[in-house]
């Protein structure tokens, strides 16, 4: 099924939580930049701001954030719905009424490892990742999703991260991607005559 990951699209929230195995938060004076490890996805979260009145929908939406004690709260609206914009890998649609609230907080490493162990038991491994044994924290992201045009009510999920021992590997989506399992070679450009 075509989705942002196999069509080089933006991983708007909440889809990005279904796909991203790693991320890096960069705190700056007036915003937070979130770099995701897959396909050069970048988000900007303006701190202590409000959503514009005349909000122009964008691929990653409009994200604002503030701190509640030691918890970073990120509020996102205005996700532009494109041909492959979906909520999850199952192709669940979303509308421009999508509203996502994320709450980021540090948790104890043992609690984070227990969450990852549960994930491995239910889903299995998603690749070779070794948690940094010297870092005593994990990162929990609690996500609440609302879209009254698609869902009958809000729903929530948790995502847990551990600091891993490996470099930051960049993944880049290839242009003219071919999904051989579903669409054949319909996306491959063809010349009218041979080049040689």
C-alpha atoms as a PDB file:
ATOM      1  CA  UNK A   1       0.000   0.000   0.000  1.00  0.00           C
ATOM      2  CA  UNK A   2       1.455   3.413  -0.895  1.00  0.00           C
ATOM      3  CA  UNK A   3       2.299   5.532   2.140  1.00  0.00           C
ATOM      4  CA  UNK A   4       4.781   8.334   2.906  1.00  0.00           C
ATOM      5  CA  UNK A   5       7.602   5.861   3.642  1.00  0.00           C
ATOM      6  CA  UNK A   6       7.550   4.229   0.213  1.00  0.00           C
ATOM      7  CA  UNK A   7       6.561   7.350  -1.755  1.00  0.00           C
ATOM      8  CA  UNK A   8       9.194   9.785  -0.370  1.00  0.00           C
ATOM      9  CA  UNK A   9       6.517  11.803   1.419  1.00  0.00           C
ATOM     10  CA  UNK A  10       6.561  13.752   4.663  1.00  0.00           C
ATOM     11  CA  UNK A  11       6.050  11.691   7.796  1.00  0.00           C
ATOM     12  CA  UNK A  12       3.464  13.929   9.421  1.00  0.00           C
ATOM     13  CA  UNK A  13       2.315  13.183  12.941  1.00  0.00           C
ATOM     14  CA  UNK A  14       1.035  10.674  13.916  1.00  0.00           C
ATOM     15  CA  UNK A  15       2.423   8.571  11.015  1.00  0.00           C
ATOM     16  CA  UNK A  16       5.997   9.436  11.982  1.00  0.00           C
ATOM     17  CA  UNK A  17       5.649   7.484  15.236  1.00  0.00           C
ATOM     18  CA  UNK A  18       4.804   4.327  13.277  1.00  0.00           C
ATOM     19  CA  UNK A  19       7.962   4.616  11.185  1.00  0.00           C
ATOM     20  CA  UNK A  20      10.787   6.383  12.973  1.00  0.00           C
ATOM     21  CA  UNK A  21      13.179   4.166  14.886  1.00  0.00           C
ATOM     22  CA  UNK A  22      15.353   7.019  16.064  1.00  0.00           C
ATOM     23  CA  UNK A  23      15.353  10.744  16.547  1.00  0.00           C
ATOM     24  CA  UNK A  24      17.337  13.586  17.986  1.00  0.00           C
ATOM     25  CA  UNK A  25      15.881  16.596  19.812  1.00  0.00           C
ATOM     26  CA  UNK A  26      17.826  19.844  19.522  1.00  0.00           C
ATOM     27  CA  UNK A  27      16.781  22.495  22.045  1.00  0.00           C
ATOM     28  CA  UNK A  28      17.311  26.063  20.886  1.00  0.00           C
ATOM     29  CA  UNK A  29      16.249  29.376  22.408  1.00  0.00           C
ATOM     30  CA  UNK A  30      12.880  29.767  20.648  1.00  0.00           C
ATOM     31  CA  UNK A  31      12.266  26.342  19.183  1.00  0.00           C
ATOM     32  CA  UNK A  32      13.082  22.666  19.184  1.00  0.00           C
ATOM     33  CA  UNK A  33      14.260  20.904  16.053  1.00  0.00           C
ATOM     34  CA  UNK A  34      13.516  17.190  15.820  1.00  0.00           C
ATOM     35  CA  UNK A  35      15.655  15.192  13.394  1.00  0.00           C
ATOM     36  CA  UNK A  36      14.398  11.736  12.487  1.00  0.00           C
ATOM     37  CA  UNK A  37      16.724   9.011  11.221  1.00  0.00           C
ATOM     38  CA  UNK A  38      14.632   7.955   8.255  1.00  0.00           C
ATOM     39  CA  UNK A  39      14.428   9.905   4.986  1.00  0.00           C
ATOM     40  CA  UNK A  40      15.740  13.230   6.298  1.00  0.00           C
ATOM     41  CA  UNK A  41      12.522  14.087   8.140  1.00  0.00           C
ATOM     42  CA  UNK A  42      12.770  17.331  10.150  1.00  0.00           C
ATOM     43  CA  UNK A  43      10.232  19.049  12.413  1.00  0.00           C
ATOM     44  CA  UNK A  44      10.333  22.506  13.943  1.00  0.00           C
ATOM     45  CA  UNK A  45       8.452  23.110  17.180  1.00  0.00           C
ATOM     46  CA  UNK A  46       8.054  26.788  18.096  1.00  0.00           C
ATOM     47  CA  UNK A  47       8.240  27.285  21.856  1.00  0.00           C
ATOM     48  CA  UNK A  48       5.746  29.369  23.835  1.00  0.00           C
ATOM     49  CA  UNK A  49       3.888  30.370  20.676  1.00  0.00           C
ATOM     50  CA  UNK A  50       0.362  30.050  19.339  1.00  0.00           C
ATOM     51  CA  UNK A  51      -0.944  28.595  16.108  1.00  0.00           C
ATOM     52  CA  UNK A  52      -1.516  31.332  13.487  1.00  0.00           C
ATOM     53  CA  UNK A  53      -5.120  32.430  12.946  1.00  0.00           C
ATOM     54  CA  UNK A  54      -4.814  32.025   9.178  1.00  0.00           C
ATOM     55  CA  UNK A  55      -3.108  28.651   9.351  1.00  0.00           C
ATOM     56  CA  UNK A  56      -1.812  27.418   6.003  1.00  0.00           C
ATOM     57  CA  UNK A  57      -1.681  23.577   6.110  1.00  0.00           C
ATOM     58  CA  UNK A  58       1.827  22.115   5.677  1.00  0.00           C
ATOM     59  CA  UNK A  59       3.217  18.620   5.261  1.00  0.00           C
ATOM     60  CA  UNK A  60       4.395  18.358   8.886  1.00  0.00           C
ATOM     61  CA  UNK A  61       1.636  20.591  10.239  1.00  0.00           C
ATOM     62  CA  UNK A  62       2.159  23.525  12.578  1.00  0.00           C
ATOM     63  CA  UNK A  63       3.789  22.457  15.863  1.00  0.00           C
ATOM     64  CA  UNK A  64       4.013  24.583  18.991  1.00  0.00           C
ATOM     65  CA  UNK A  65       5.427  23.530  22.318  1.00  0.00           C
ATOM     66  CA  UNK A  66       5.805  24.467  25.954  1.00  0.00           C
ATOM     67  CA  UNK A  67       7.109  22.869  29.118  1.00  0.00           C
ATOM     68  CA  UNK A  68       4.913  21.656  31.958  1.00  0.00           C
ATOM     69  CA  UNK A  69       7.543  21.033  34.617  1.00  0.00           C
ATOM     70  CA  UNK A  70       9.932  18.483  33.096  1.00  0.00           C
ATOM     71  CA  UNK A  71       7.519  17.466  30.312  1.00  0.00           C
ATOM     72  CA  UNK A  72       7.676  18.934  26.812  1.00  0.00           C
ATOM     73  CA  UNK A  73       4.164  19.271  25.381  1.00  0.00           C
ATOM     74  CA  UNK A  74       3.909  19.573  21.581  1.00  0.00           C
ATOM     75  CA  UNK A  75       0.608  20.520  19.927  1.00  0.00           C
ATOM     76  CA  UNK A  76       0.283  19.957  16.163  1.00  0.00           C
ATOM     77  CA  UNK A  77      -2.531  21.033  13.835  1.00  0.00           C
ATOM     78  CA  UNK A  78      -2.723  21.998  10.179  1.00  0.00           C
ATOM     79  CA  UNK A  79      -1.338  18.837   8.590  1.00  0.00           C
ATOM     80  CA  UNK A  80      -1.797  19.146   4.841  1.00  0.00           C
ATOM     81  CA  UNK A  81      -3.442  16.046   3.446  1.00  0.00           C
ATOM     82  CA  UNK A  82      -1.528  14.855   0.361  1.00  0.00           C
ATOM     83  CA  UNK A  83      -2.174  11.764  -1.786  1.00  0.00           C
ATOM     84  CA  UNK A  84      -0.227   9.481   0.576  1.00  0.00           C
ATOM     85  CA  UNK A  85      -0.936  11.150   3.940  1.00  0.00           C
ATOM     86  CA  UNK A  86      -2.089   8.432   6.329  1.00  0.00           C
ATOM     87  CA  UNK A  87      -2.180   7.808  10.081  1.00  0.00           C
ATOM     88  CA  UNK A  88      -0.431   4.427  10.064  1.00  0.00           C
ATOM     89  CA  UNK A  89       1.041   1.611   7.943  1.00  0.00           C
ATOM     90  CA  UNK A  90      -2.486   0.195   7.483  1.00  0.00           C
ATOM     91  CA  UNK A  91      -3.499   3.215   5.386  1.00  0.00           C
ATOM     92  CA  UNK A  92      -5.915   4.732   7.900  1.00  0.00           C
ATOM     93  CA  UNK A  93      -6.897   8.085   6.400  1.00  0.00           C
ATOM     94  CA  UNK A  94      -6.773  11.440   8.131  1.00  0.00           C
ATOM     95  CA  UNK A  95      -8.286  14.830   7.434  1.00  0.00           C
ATOM     96  CA  UNK A  96      -7.062  18.394   7.849  1.00  0.00           C
ATOM     97  CA  UNK A  97      -8.901  18.386  11.204  1.00  0.00           C
ATOM     98  CA  UNK A  98      -6.159  16.107  12.637  1.00  0.00           C
ATOM     99  CA  UNK A  99      -4.928  17.294  16.058  1.00  0.00           C
ATOM    100  CA  UNK A 100      -1.966  15.583  17.740  1.00  0.00           C
ATOM    101  CA  UNK A 101      -0.626  16.299  21.237  1.00  0.00           C
ATOM    102  CA  UNK A 102       2.692  14.750  22.268  1.00  0.00           C
ATOM    103  CA  UNK A 103       4.109  14.734  25.802  1.00  0.00           C
ATOM    104  CA  UNK A 104       7.874  14.026  26.017  1.00  0.00           C
ATOM    105  CA  UNK A 105       9.428  13.125  29.366  1.00  0.00           C
ATOM    106  CA  UNK A 106      12.483  11.306  30.630  1.00  0.00           C
ATOM    107  CA  UNK A 107      11.872   8.034  32.451  1.00  0.00           C
ATOM    108  CA  UNK A 108      14.124   5.584  34.285  1.00  0.00           C
ATOM    109  CA  UNK A 109      16.217   3.320  32.031  1.00  0.00           C
ATOM    110  CA  UNK A 110      14.704   0.175  33.587  1.00  0.00           C
ATOM    111  CA  UNK A 111      11.178   1.364  32.787  1.00  0.00           C
ATOM    112  CA  UNK A 112      12.243   2.203  29.226  1.00  0.00           C
ATOM    113  CA  UNK A 113      13.929  -1.184  28.766  1.00  0.00           C
ATOM    114  CA  UNK A 114      10.809  -2.965  30.075  1.00  0.00           C
ATOM    115  CA  UNK A 115       8.705  -1.148  27.450  1.00  0.00           C
ATOM    116  CA  UNK A 116      11.142  -2.131  24.703  1.00  0.00           C
ATOM    117  CA  UNK A 117      11.196  -5.739  25.934  1.00  0.00           C
ATOM    118  CA  UNK A 118       7.361  -5.824  25.733  1.00  0.00           C
ATOM    119  CA  UNK A 119       7.623  -4.495  22.185  1.00  0.00           C
ATOM    120  CA  UNK A 120      10.101  -7.224  21.227  1.00  0.00           C
ATOM    121  CA  UNK A 121       7.793  -9.898  22.667  1.00  0.00           C
ATOM    122  CA  UNK A 122       4.760  -8.644  20.738  1.00  0.00           C
ATOM    123  CA  UNK A 123       6.244  -7.310  17.476  1.00  0.00           C
ATOM    124  CA  UNK A 124       9.775  -8.647  17.274  1.00  0.00           C
ATOM    125  CA  UNK A 125      12.997  -6.837  16.506  1.00  0.00           C
ATOM    126  CA  UNK A 126      13.185  -3.943  14.082  1.00  0.00           C
ATOM    127  CA  UNK A 127      16.939  -4.060  13.684  1.00  0.00           C
ATOM    128  CA  UNK A 128      20.184  -4.333  15.610  1.00  0.00           C
ATOM    129  CA  UNK A 129      20.058  -1.718  18.354  1.00  0.00           C
ATOM    130  CA  UNK A 130      22.018  -1.881  21.590  1.00  0.00           C
ATOM    131  CA  UNK A 131      20.992   0.466  24.392  1.00  0.00           C
ATOM    132  CA  UNK A 132      23.734   2.535  26.012  1.00  0.00           C
ATOM    133  CA  UNK A 133      24.200   0.866  29.445  1.00  0.00           C
ATOM    134  CA  UNK A 134      25.840   3.987  30.880  1.00  0.00           C
ATOM    135  CA  UNK A 135      22.852   6.251  30.189  1.00  0.00           C
ATOM    136  CA  UNK A 136      20.305   5.909  32.982  1.00  0.00           C
ATOM    137  CA  UNK A 137      17.289   7.392  31.224  1.00  0.00           C
ATOM    138  CA  UNK A 138      14.788   6.659  28.484  1.00  0.00           C
ATOM    139  CA  UNK A 139      12.390   8.949  26.664  1.00  0.00           C
ATOM    140  CA  UNK A 140       8.639   8.326  26.790  1.00  0.00           C
ATOM    141  CA  UNK A 141       6.361  10.053  24.289  1.00  0.00           C
ATOM    142  CA  UNK A 142       2.660   9.929  25.083  1.00  0.00           C
ATOM    143  CA  UNK A 143       0.606  10.730  21.986  1.00  0.00           C
ATOM    144  CA  UNK A 144      -3.078  11.708  21.842  1.00  0.00           C
ATOM    145  CA  UNK A 145      -4.710  11.838  18.402  1.00  0.00           C
ATOM    146  CA  UNK A 146      -8.025  13.450  17.485  1.00  0.00           C
ATOM    147  CA  UNK A 147      -9.635  13.718  14.059  1.00  0.00           C
ATOM    148  CA  UNK A 148     -13.426  14.111  14.274  1.00  0.00           C
ATOM    149  CA  UNK A 149     -13.741  13.558  10.513  1.00  0.00           C
ATOM    150  CA  UNK A 150     -12.192  10.079  10.778  1.00  0.00           C
ATOM    151  CA  UNK A 151     -12.370   8.759  14.367  1.00  0.00           C
ATOM    152  CA  UNK A 152     -15.320   8.511  16.759  1.00  0.00           C
ATOM    153  CA  UNK A 153     -13.165   9.818  19.608  1.00  0.00           C
ATOM    154  CA  UNK A 154      -9.579  10.541  20.642  1.00  0.00           C
ATOM    155  CA  UNK A 155      -7.093   7.698  20.977  1.00  0.00           C
ATOM    156  CA  UNK A 156      -3.650   7.486  22.528  1.00  0.00           C
ATOM    157  CA  UNK A 157      -0.388   5.584  22.291  1.00  0.00           C
ATOM    158  CA  UNK A 158       3.042   5.547  23.939  1.00  0.00           C
ATOM    159  CA  UNK A 159       6.421   5.446  22.217  1.00  0.00           C
ATOM    160  CA  UNK A 160       9.566   4.710  24.232  1.00  0.00           C
ATOM    161  CA  UNK A 161      13.126   5.443  23.149  1.00  0.00           C
ATOM    162  CA  UNK A 162      16.492   4.430  24.610  1.00  0.00           C
ATOM    163  CA  UNK A 163      19.815   6.017  23.741  1.00  0.00           C
ATOM    164  CA  UNK A 164      21.574   3.509  21.504  1.00  0.00           C
ATOM    165  CA  UNK A 165      25.208   2.772  20.792  1.00  0.00           C
ATOM    166  CA  UNK A 166      25.651   3.592  17.129  1.00  0.00           C
ATOM    167  CA  UNK A 167      26.242   6.551  14.921  1.00  0.00           C
ATOM    168  CA  UNK A 168      23.463   8.627  13.466  1.00  0.00           C
ATOM    169  CA  UNK A 169      22.843   6.855  10.177  1.00  0.00           C
ATOM    170  CA  UNK A 170      21.061   8.928   7.601  1.00  0.00           C
ATOM    171  CA  UNK A 171      18.491   7.255   5.399  1.00  0.00           C
ATOM    172  CA  UNK A 172      17.443   8.941   2.185  1.00  0.00           C
ATOM    173  CA  UNK A 173      14.381   8.134   0.111  1.00  0.00           C
ATOM    174  CA  UNK A 174      15.199   7.367  -3.516  1.00  0.00           C
ATOM    175  CA  UNK A 175      13.460   9.336  -6.226  1.00  0.00           C
ATOM    176  CA  UNK A 176      11.404   7.331  -8.722  1.00  0.00           C
ATOM    177  CA  UNK A 177      10.798   4.712  -6.070  1.00  0.00           C
ATOM    178  CA  UNK A 178       9.503   1.391  -7.395  1.00  0.00           C
ATOM    179  CA  UNK A 179       7.152  -0.700  -5.281  1.00  0.00           C
ATOM    180  CA  UNK A 180       7.625  -4.042  -7.006  1.00  0.00           C
ATOM    181  CA  UNK A 181       5.240  -5.844  -4.639  1.00  0.00           C
ATOM    182  CA  UNK A 182       2.160  -3.724  -5.293  1.00  0.00           C
ATOM    183  CA  UNK A 183       2.463  -1.347  -8.224  1.00  0.00           C
ATOM    184  CA  UNK A 184       4.904  -3.025 -10.586  1.00  0.00           C
ATOM    185  CA  UNK A 185       7.094  -0.654 -12.568  1.00  0.00           C
ATOM    186  CA  UNK A 186       4.440   2.037 -13.153  1.00  0.00           C
ATOM    187  CA  UNK A 187       6.647   4.673 -11.493  1.00  0.00           C
ATOM    188  CA  UNK A 188       9.745   3.981 -13.609  1.00  0.00           C
ATOM    189  CA  UNK A 189      10.369   6.677 -16.265  1.00  0.00           C
ATOM    190  CA  UNK A 190      10.518   5.383 -19.830  1.00  0.00           C
ATOM    191  CA  UNK A 191      12.230   6.949 -22.854  1.00  0.00           C
ATOM    192  CA  UNK A 192      10.523   7.126 -26.247  1.00  0.00           C
ATOM    193  CA  UNK A 193      13.734   5.909 -27.905  1.00  0.00           C
ATOM    194  CA  UNK A 194      16.985   4.337 -26.674  1.00  0.00           C
ATOM    195  CA  UNK A 195      19.821   6.617 -25.500  1.00  0.00           C
ATOM    196  CA  UNK A 196      22.434   4.494 -27.309  1.00  0.00           C
END
